[in-house]
Every structure is written in C-alpha cells, then in structure tokens.
Amino acid sequence: MNKLTALHHKLCEEDPEYLKYVTAKNDSEAVEGSLLFDTYHAAEILRRADASLSTLKLAHIADVLLDLLGRKGPTPQEQQEIQQARMEYHGFDASDMRRLKKLLPKTQ
C-alpha cells in the first residue's frame, strides 16, 4: 500500500493523464462520467507505471485508490449494475444472465 501511495503522489505531479482521472469530486466532474470508472482507469495507469505492480489485481489497486481519494466504493446496487454492464460488454444478454444466475451457487 505504501508503494501505491508513493506512486500515486508521483503520478499526480508528473502525469497529466493520471491526474485527470483522480481530481474529480463527483460523477458530473468525472472524465468517464463516473468516479468509479475514473478510479478504474487511474488504477490501470498505476499498474502500468510500475512493473512490480503487474501481479496485483486491479480491484486491489482500485480499492487503495478509493481510500486515498476519499471516494466511496460501489453500493450493492451499483455492484449489480457494474456486473451487468460487464456481462453485456462480454456479449451476454439478459436471458444469458438469468440462465447463468440459476447455475451459480446462492450467496448470502
């Protein structure tokens, strides 16, 4: 986490592309229209900036960034919407998702 924090501060000073993804305070200011999507893009930039971070999961880097930036993570409803968007992006339609949910074990 210390390495990510240090790299975050370095990129804020040196990389204008990174900076544009971490400066928004609300969705209307976000480059991609969503603080969560901006955080994801910033996490990708962080991971590419240091080869030793290439083995870290992008979700872990994004979680650290959410804390650093004082942004909240997704609500359960937002998580469901994000998952649905991912499925649609990868070519699953709504009927595929319903069939897939029936196959997956129930979680509490």
C-alpha atoms as a PDB file:
ATOM      1  CA  MET A   1       0.000   0.000   0.000  1.00  0.00           C
ATOM      2  CA  ASN A   2       2.863   2.396   0.766  1.00  0.00           C
ATOM      3  CA  LYS A   3       4.272   1.779  -2.707  1.00  0.00           C
ATOM      4  CA  LEU A   4       0.899   2.531  -4.300  1.00  0.00           C
ATOM      5  CA  THR A   5       0.548   5.702  -2.224  1.00  0.00           C
ATOM      6  CA  ALA A   6       4.005   6.919  -3.202  1.00  0.00           C
ATOM      7  CA  LEU A   7       3.393   6.139  -6.878  1.00  0.00           C
ATOM      8  CA  HIS A   8       0.017   7.887  -6.713  1.00  0.00           C
ATOM      9  CA  HIS A   9       1.648  11.085  -5.418  1.00  0.00           C
ATOM     10  CA  LYS A  10       4.412  10.862  -8.028  1.00  0.00           C
ATOM     11  CA  LEU A  11       1.947  10.420 -10.897  1.00  0.00           C
ATOM     12  CA  CYS A  12      -0.190  13.298  -9.613  1.00  0.00           C
ATOM     13  CA  GLU A  13       2.840  15.542 -10.130  1.00  0.00           C
ATOM     14  CA  GLU A  14       4.192  14.017 -13.348  1.00  0.00           C
ATOM     15  CA  ASP A  15       1.352  12.502 -15.389  1.00  0.00           C
ATOM     16  CA  PRO A  16      -1.458  14.801 -16.591  1.00  0.00           C
ATOM     17  CA  GLU A  17      -3.460  11.828 -17.928  1.00  0.00           C
ATOM     18  CA  TYR A  18      -3.430  10.199 -14.470  1.00  0.00           C
ATOM     19  CA  LEU A  19      -4.253  13.473 -12.776  1.00  0.00           C
ATOM     20  CA  LYS A  20      -7.412  13.985 -14.820  1.00  0.00           C
ATOM     21  CA  TYR A  21      -8.811  10.662 -13.504  1.00  0.00           C
ATOM     22  CA  VAL A  22      -8.149  11.397  -9.826  1.00  0.00           C
ATOM     23  CA  THR A  23      -9.201  15.031  -9.445  1.00  0.00           C
ATOM     24  CA  ALA A  24     -12.989  14.812  -9.866  1.00  0.00           C
ATOM     25  CA  LYS A  25     -15.083  15.129  -6.713  1.00  0.00           C
ATOM     26  CA  ASN A  26     -18.381  13.869  -8.147  1.00  0.00           C
ATOM     27  CA  ASP A  27     -19.712  11.967 -11.149  1.00  0.00           C
ATOM     28  CA  SER A  28     -20.555  15.124 -13.092  1.00  0.00           C
ATOM     29  CA  GLU A  29     -16.864  16.158 -12.992  1.00  0.00           C
ATOM     30  CA  ALA A  30     -15.541  12.664 -13.817  1.00  0.00           C
ATOM     31  CA  VAL A  31     -13.830  12.154 -17.175  1.00  0.00           C
ATOM     32  CA  GLU A  32     -15.835   8.982 -17.809  1.00  0.00           C
ATOM     33  CA  GLY A  33     -19.000  10.282 -16.114  1.00  0.00           C
ATOM     34  CA  SER A  34     -18.433   8.115 -13.032  1.00  0.00           C
ATOM     35  CA  LEU A  35     -15.934   8.335 -10.188  1.00  0.00           C
ATOM     36  CA  LEU A  36     -15.785   4.529 -10.139  1.00  0.00           C
ATOM     37  CA  PHE A  37     -14.826   4.338 -13.802  1.00  0.00           C
ATOM     38  CA  ASP A  38     -12.267   7.119 -13.376  1.00  0.00           C
ATOM     39  CA  THR A  39     -10.790   5.238 -10.405  1.00  0.00           C
ATOM     40  CA  TYR A  40     -10.564   2.088 -12.527  1.00  0.00           C
ATOM     41  CA  HIS A  41      -8.698   3.964 -15.280  1.00  0.00           C
ATOM     42  CA  ALA A  42      -6.347   5.505 -12.711  1.00  0.00           C
ATOM     43  CA  ALA A  43      -5.703   2.028 -11.268  1.00  0.00           C
ATOM     44  CA  GLU A  44      -4.770   0.778 -14.744  1.00  0.00           C
ATOM     45  CA  ILE A  45      -2.332   3.660 -15.169  1.00  0.00           C
ATOM     46  CA  LEU A  46      -0.785   2.941 -11.761  1.00  0.00           C
ATOM     47  CA  ARG A  47      -0.316  -0.722 -12.604  1.00  0.00           C
ATOM     48  CA  ARG A  48       1.297   0.084 -15.970  1.00  0.00           C
ATOM     49  CA  ALA A  49       3.616   2.649 -14.364  1.00  0.00           C
ATOM     50  CA  ASP A  50       5.442   0.111 -12.194  1.00  0.00           C
ATOM     51  CA  ALA A  51       6.260  -3.405 -13.426  1.00  0.00           C
ATOM     52  CA  SER A  52       6.322  -4.737  -9.861  1.00  0.00           C
ATOM     53  CA  LEU A  53       2.595  -3.956  -9.585  1.00  0.00           C
ATOM     54  CA  SER A  54       1.689  -6.029 -12.632  1.00  0.00           C
ATOM     55  CA  THR A  55       0.813  -9.037 -10.483  1.00  0.00           C
ATOM     56  CA  LEU A  56      -1.610  -7.096  -8.283  1.00  0.00           C
ATOM     57  CA  LYS A  57      -5.302  -7.413  -9.012  1.00  0.00           C
ATOM     58  CA  LEU A  58      -6.761  -4.255 -10.487  1.00  0.00           C
ATOM     59  CA  ALA A  59      -9.553  -4.403  -7.907  1.00  0.00           C
ATOM     60  CA  HIS A  60      -6.990  -4.212  -5.080  1.00  0.00           C
ATOM     61  CA  ILE A  61      -5.297  -1.190  -6.636  1.00  0.00           C
ATOM     62  CA  ALA A  62      -8.682   0.482  -7.169  1.00  0.00           C
ATOM     63  CA  ASP A  63      -9.641  -0.185  -3.524  1.00  0.00           C
ATOM     64  CA  VAL A  64      -6.453   1.519  -2.343  1.00  0.00           C
ATOM     65  CA  LEU A  65      -7.174   4.444  -4.665  1.00  0.00           C
ATOM     66  CA  LEU A  66     -10.735   4.751  -3.397  1.00  0.00           C
ATOM     67  CA  ASP A  67      -9.315   5.136   0.125  1.00  0.00           C
ATOM     68  CA  LEU A  68      -6.589   7.560  -0.969  1.00  0.00           C
ATOM     69  CA  LEU A  69      -9.023   9.735  -2.886  1.00  0.00           C
ATOM     70  CA  GLY A  70     -11.748   9.604  -0.260  1.00  0.00           C
ATOM     71  CA  ARG A  71     -14.153   8.106  -2.769  1.00  0.00           C
ATOM     72  CA  LYS A  72     -16.706   5.573  -1.646  1.00  0.00           C
ATOM     73  CA  GLY A  73     -16.875   2.159  -3.182  1.00  0.00           C
ATOM     74  CA  PRO A  74     -19.909   0.940  -5.062  1.00  0.00           C
ATOM     75  CA  THR A  75     -23.139   0.214  -3.207  1.00  0.00           C
ATOM     76  CA  PRO A  76     -24.616  -3.280  -3.625  1.00  0.00           C
ATOM     77  CA  GLN A  77     -26.996  -1.870  -6.265  1.00  0.00           C
ATOM     78  CA  GLU A  78     -24.077  -0.258  -8.116  1.00  0.00           C
ATOM     79  CA  GLN A  79     -22.095  -3.504  -7.882  1.00  0.00           C
ATOM     80  CA  GLN A  80     -25.003  -5.335  -9.512  1.00  0.00           C
ATOM     81  CA  GLU A  81     -25.196  -2.711 -12.279  1.00  0.00           C
ATOM     82  CA  ILE A  82     -21.441  -2.900 -12.847  1.00  0.00           C
ATOM     83  CA  GLN A  83     -21.596  -6.685 -13.072  1.00  0.00           C
ATOM     84  CA  GLN A  84     -24.475  -6.480 -15.542  1.00  0.00           C
ATOM     85  CA  ALA A  85     -22.507  -3.983 -17.666  1.00  0.00           C
ATOM     86  CA  ARG A  86     -19.509  -6.330 -17.643  1.00  0.00           C
ATOM     87  CA  MET A  87     -21.674  -9.239 -18.761  1.00  0.00           C
ATOM     88  CA  GLU A  88     -23.221  -7.184 -21.564  1.00  0.00           C
ATOM     89  CA  TYR A  89     -19.782  -5.957 -22.614  1.00  0.00           C
ATOM     90  CA  HIS A  90     -18.625  -9.555 -22.972  1.00  0.00           C
ATOM     91  CA  GLY A  91     -21.623 -10.463 -25.124  1.00  0.00           C
ATOM     92  CA  PHE A  92     -24.098 -11.883 -22.610  1.00  0.00           C
ATOM     93  CA  ASP A  93     -27.665 -10.677 -22.949  1.00  0.00           C
ATOM     94  CA  ALA A  94     -30.290 -10.543 -20.198  1.00  0.00           C
ATOM     95  CA  SER A  95     -31.551 -14.099 -20.877  1.00  0.00           C
ATOM     96  CA  ASP A  96     -27.972 -15.434 -20.700  1.00  0.00           C
ATOM     97  CA  MET A  97     -27.538 -13.705 -17.342  1.00  0.00           C
ATOM     98  CA  ARG A  98     -30.739 -15.241 -15.960  1.00  0.00           C
ATOM     99  CA  ARG A  99     -29.593 -18.719 -17.038  1.00  0.00           C
ATOM    100  CA  LEU A 100     -26.147 -18.106 -15.578  1.00  0.00           C
ATOM    101  CA  LYS A 101     -27.610 -16.977 -12.225  1.00  0.00           C
ATOM    102  CA  LYS A 102     -29.525 -20.272 -11.999  1.00  0.00           C
ATOM    103  CA  LEU A 103     -26.261 -22.183 -12.430  1.00  0.00           C
ATOM    104  CA  LEU A 104     -24.294 -20.192  -9.872  1.00  0.00           C
ATOM    105  CA  PRO A 105     -24.400 -21.171  -6.189  1.00  0.00           C
ATOM    106  CA  LYS A 106     -26.563 -18.985  -3.990  1.00  0.00           C
ATOM    107  CA  THR A 107     -24.671 -16.450  -1.859  1.00  0.00           C
ATOM    108  CA  GLN A 108     -25.894 -14.881   1.341  1.00  0.00           C
END
